[in-house]
Amino acid sequence: MDEDHARLEALIAAAADAPEPDLPALHMQLVAELAAHFAREEALMRAQGFPGLHCHMAQHEVLLQQARLAGPNTPGGLRRAIGVHIAQLIESHVLTLDTITAA
């Protein structure tokens, strides 16, 4: 999971310097990687018999929906949405639910 988190962080960091025409594709790549990460994480939780799986999965779905609806369709708006809004959603999830799950 740490490698997954590092890939997500790298995609978010790339948004800071990406050329404006590349931002929509970067956003789509980030959402796809986030969905793949959640699928791997949920499979791991299933294999371990994690009792809070359904709640955790619901949080994943909410986070994905919010990430998909990143914000304004302007390049600056999308750059801020990736670098601030989506970054904060992911960080909050990792620091709370993922930390509790790992424990």
C-alpha atoms as a PDB file:
ATOM      1  CA  MET A   1       0.000   0.000   0.000  1.00  0.00           C
ATOM      2  CA  ASP A   2       2.899   2.358   0.658  1.00  0.00           C
ATOM      3  CA  GLU A   3       4.016   1.982  -2.972  1.00  0.00           C
ATOM      4  CA  ASP A   4       0.473   2.801  -4.103  1.00  0.00           C
ATOM      5  CA  HIS A   5       0.433   5.888  -1.921  1.00  0.00           C
ATOM      6  CA  ALA A   6       3.788   6.969  -3.360  1.00  0.00           C
ATOM      7  CA  ARG A   7       2.425   6.636  -6.935  1.00  0.00           C
ATOM      8  CA  LEU A   8      -0.589   8.751  -6.015  1.00  0.00           C
ATOM      9  CA  GLU A   9       1.650  11.385  -4.413  1.00  0.00           C
ATOM     10  CA  ALA A  10       3.823  11.476  -7.541  1.00  0.00           C
ATOM     11  CA  LEU A  11       0.801  12.062  -9.775  1.00  0.00           C
ATOM     12  CA  ILE A  12      -0.417  14.853  -7.511  1.00  0.00           C
ATOM     13  CA  ALA A  13       3.031  16.442  -7.475  1.00  0.00           C
ATOM     14  CA  ALA A  14       3.199  16.241 -11.283  1.00  0.00           C
ATOM     15  CA  ALA A  15       0.146  18.504 -11.509  1.00  0.00           C
ATOM     16  CA  ALA A  16       2.134  21.437 -10.128  1.00  0.00           C
ATOM     17  CA  ASP A  17       4.377  21.603 -13.201  1.00  0.00           C
ATOM     18  CA  ALA A  18       2.350  19.846 -15.888  1.00  0.00           C
ATOM     19  CA  PRO A  19       1.590  21.845 -19.021  1.00  0.00           C
ATOM     20  CA  GLU A  20      -2.031  23.004 -18.998  1.00  0.00           C
ATOM     21  CA  PRO A  21      -3.065  20.804 -21.950  1.00  0.00           C
ATOM     22  CA  ASP A  22      -1.823  17.729 -20.036  1.00  0.00           C
ATOM     23  CA  LEU A  23      -3.887  18.368 -16.897  1.00  0.00           C
ATOM     24  CA  PRO A  24      -7.121  16.606 -17.974  1.00  0.00           C
ATOM     25  CA  ALA A  25      -5.203  13.427 -18.853  1.00  0.00           C
ATOM     26  CA  LEU A  26      -3.227  13.642 -15.606  1.00  0.00           C
ATOM     27  CA  HIS A  27      -6.488  14.014 -13.684  1.00  0.00           C
ATOM     28  CA  MET A  28      -7.939  10.940 -15.417  1.00  0.00           C
ATOM     29  CA  GLN A  29      -4.744   8.988 -14.683  1.00  0.00           C
ATOM     30  CA  LEU A  30      -4.900   9.994 -11.016  1.00  0.00           C
ATOM     31  CA  VAL A  31      -8.537   8.911 -10.692  1.00  0.00           C
ATOM     32  CA  ALA A  32      -7.768   5.591 -12.437  1.00  0.00           C
ATOM     33  CA  GLU A  33      -4.780   4.950 -10.154  1.00  0.00           C
ATOM     34  CA  LEU A  34      -6.873   5.834  -7.110  1.00  0.00           C
ATOM     35  CA  ALA A  35      -9.595   3.372  -8.189  1.00  0.00           C
ATOM     36  CA  ALA A  36      -6.988   0.644  -8.781  1.00  0.00           C
ATOM     37  CA  HIS A  37      -5.415   1.343  -5.392  1.00  0.00           C
ATOM     38  CA  PHE A  38      -8.778   1.072  -3.664  1.00  0.00           C
ATOM     39  CA  ALA A  39      -9.491  -2.228  -5.435  1.00  0.00           C
ATOM     40  CA  ARG A  40      -6.154  -3.663  -4.254  1.00  0.00           C
ATOM     41  CA  GLU A  41      -6.709  -2.364  -0.732  1.00  0.00           C
ATOM     42  CA  GLU A  42     -10.217  -3.813  -0.562  1.00  0.00           C
ATOM     43  CA  ALA A  43      -8.947  -7.198  -1.797  1.00  0.00           C
ATOM     44  CA  LEU A  44      -6.327  -7.173   0.954  1.00  0.00           C
ATOM     45  CA  MET A  45      -8.945  -6.292   3.572  1.00  0.00           C
ATOM     46  CA  ARG A  46     -11.204  -9.096   2.307  1.00  0.00           C
ATOM     47  CA  ALA A  47      -8.336 -11.578   2.526  1.00  0.00           C
ATOM     48  CA  GLN A  48      -7.658 -10.500   6.114  1.00  0.00           C
ATOM     49  CA  GLY A  49     -11.339 -10.624   7.081  1.00  0.00           C
ATOM     50  CA  PHE A  50     -11.338  -6.943   8.039  1.00  0.00           C
ATOM     51  CA  PRO A  51     -14.615  -6.301   9.937  1.00  0.00           C
ATOM     52  CA  GLY A  52     -15.002  -2.669   8.793  1.00  0.00           C
ATOM     53  CA  LEU A  53     -14.719  -3.461   5.093  1.00  0.00           C
ATOM     54  CA  HIS A  54     -18.131  -2.144   4.046  1.00  0.00           C
ATOM     55  CA  CYS A  55     -17.636   1.182   5.805  1.00  0.00           C
ATOM     56  CA  HIS A  56     -14.157   1.543   4.331  1.00  0.00           C
ATOM     57  CA  MET A  57     -15.473   0.701   0.850  1.00  0.00           C
ATOM     58  CA  ALA A  58     -18.186   3.343   1.203  1.00  0.00           C
ATOM     59  CA  GLN A  59     -15.523   5.918   2.042  1.00  0.00           C
ATOM     60  CA  HIS A  60     -13.552   4.856  -1.015  1.00  0.00           C
ATOM     61  CA  GLU A  61     -16.594   5.402  -3.222  1.00  0.00           C
ATOM     62  CA  VAL A  62     -17.229   8.880  -1.802  1.00  0.00           C
ATOM     63  CA  LEU A  63     -13.579   9.823  -2.247  1.00  0.00           C
ATOM     64  CA  LEU A  64     -13.597   8.566  -5.856  1.00  0.00           C
ATOM     65  CA  GLN A  65     -16.752  10.519  -6.662  1.00  0.00           C
ATOM     66  CA  GLN A  66     -15.219  13.689  -5.238  1.00  0.00           C
ATOM     67  CA  ALA A  67     -11.963  13.109  -7.125  1.00  0.00           C
ATOM     68  CA  ARG A  68     -13.835  12.588 -10.404  1.00  0.00           C
ATOM     69  CA  LEU A  69     -15.682  15.875  -9.938  1.00  0.00           C
ATOM     70  CA  ALA A  70     -12.456  17.757  -9.432  1.00  0.00           C
ATOM     71  CA  GLY A  71     -13.705  21.271  -9.954  1.00  0.00           C
ATOM     72  CA  PRO A  72     -13.645  23.963 -12.594  1.00  0.00           C
ATOM     73  CA  ASN A  73     -12.754  22.925 -16.117  1.00  0.00           C
ATOM     74  CA  THR A  74     -10.199  25.705 -16.393  1.00  0.00           C
ATOM     75  CA  PRO A  75      -6.545  24.647 -16.329  1.00  0.00           C
ATOM     76  CA  GLY A  76      -5.891  26.644 -13.163  1.00  0.00           C
ATOM     77  CA  GLY A  77      -8.981  25.230 -11.476  1.00  0.00           C
ATOM     78  CA  LEU A  78      -8.058  21.675 -12.358  1.00  0.00           C
ATOM     79  CA  ARG A  79      -4.456  22.192 -11.195  1.00  0.00           C
ATOM     80  CA  ARG A  80      -5.732  23.481  -7.819  1.00  0.00           C
ATOM     81  CA  ALA A  81      -8.288  20.693  -7.558  1.00  0.00           C
ATOM     82  CA  ILE A  82      -5.588  18.046  -8.032  1.00  0.00           C
ATOM     83  CA  GLY A  83      -2.919  19.726  -5.933  1.00  0.00           C
ATOM     84  CA  VAL A  84      -5.147  20.813  -3.074  1.00  0.00           C
ATOM     85  CA  HIS A  85      -8.612  19.232  -2.978  1.00  0.00           C
ATOM     86  CA  ILE A  86      -7.798  15.704  -4.168  1.00  0.00           C
ATOM     87  CA  ALA A  87      -4.479  15.741  -2.305  1.00  0.00           C
ATOM     88  CA  GLN A  88      -6.259  16.619   0.936  1.00  0.00           C
ATOM     89  CA  LEU A  89      -8.925  13.959   0.411  1.00  0.00           C
ATOM     90  CA  ILE A  90      -6.297  11.273  -0.087  1.00  0.00           C
ATOM     91  CA  GLU A  91      -4.103  12.458   2.782  1.00  0.00           C
ATOM     92  CA  SER A  92      -7.049  12.585   5.160  1.00  0.00           C
ATOM     93  CA  HIS A  93      -8.114   9.074   4.166  1.00  0.00           C
ATOM     94  CA  VAL A  94      -4.597   7.663   4.574  1.00  0.00           C
ATOM     95  CA  LEU A  95      -4.059   9.342   7.948  1.00  0.00           C
ATOM     96  CA  THR A  96      -7.409   8.265   9.357  1.00  0.00           C
ATOM     97  CA  LEU A  97      -9.117   5.208   7.880  1.00  0.00           C
ATOM     98  CA  ASP A  98      -5.999   3.576   6.450  1.00  0.00           C
ATOM     99  CA  THR A  99      -4.098   4.077   9.710  1.00  0.00           C
ATOM    100  CA  ILE A 100      -6.969   2.559  11.700  1.00  0.00           C
ATOM    101  CA  THR A 101      -7.246  -0.323   9.236  1.00  0.00           C
ATOM    102  CA  ALA A 102      -3.518  -1.057   9.402  1.00  0.00           C
ATOM    103  CA  ALA A 103      -3.643  -1.107  13.180  1.00  0.00           C
END
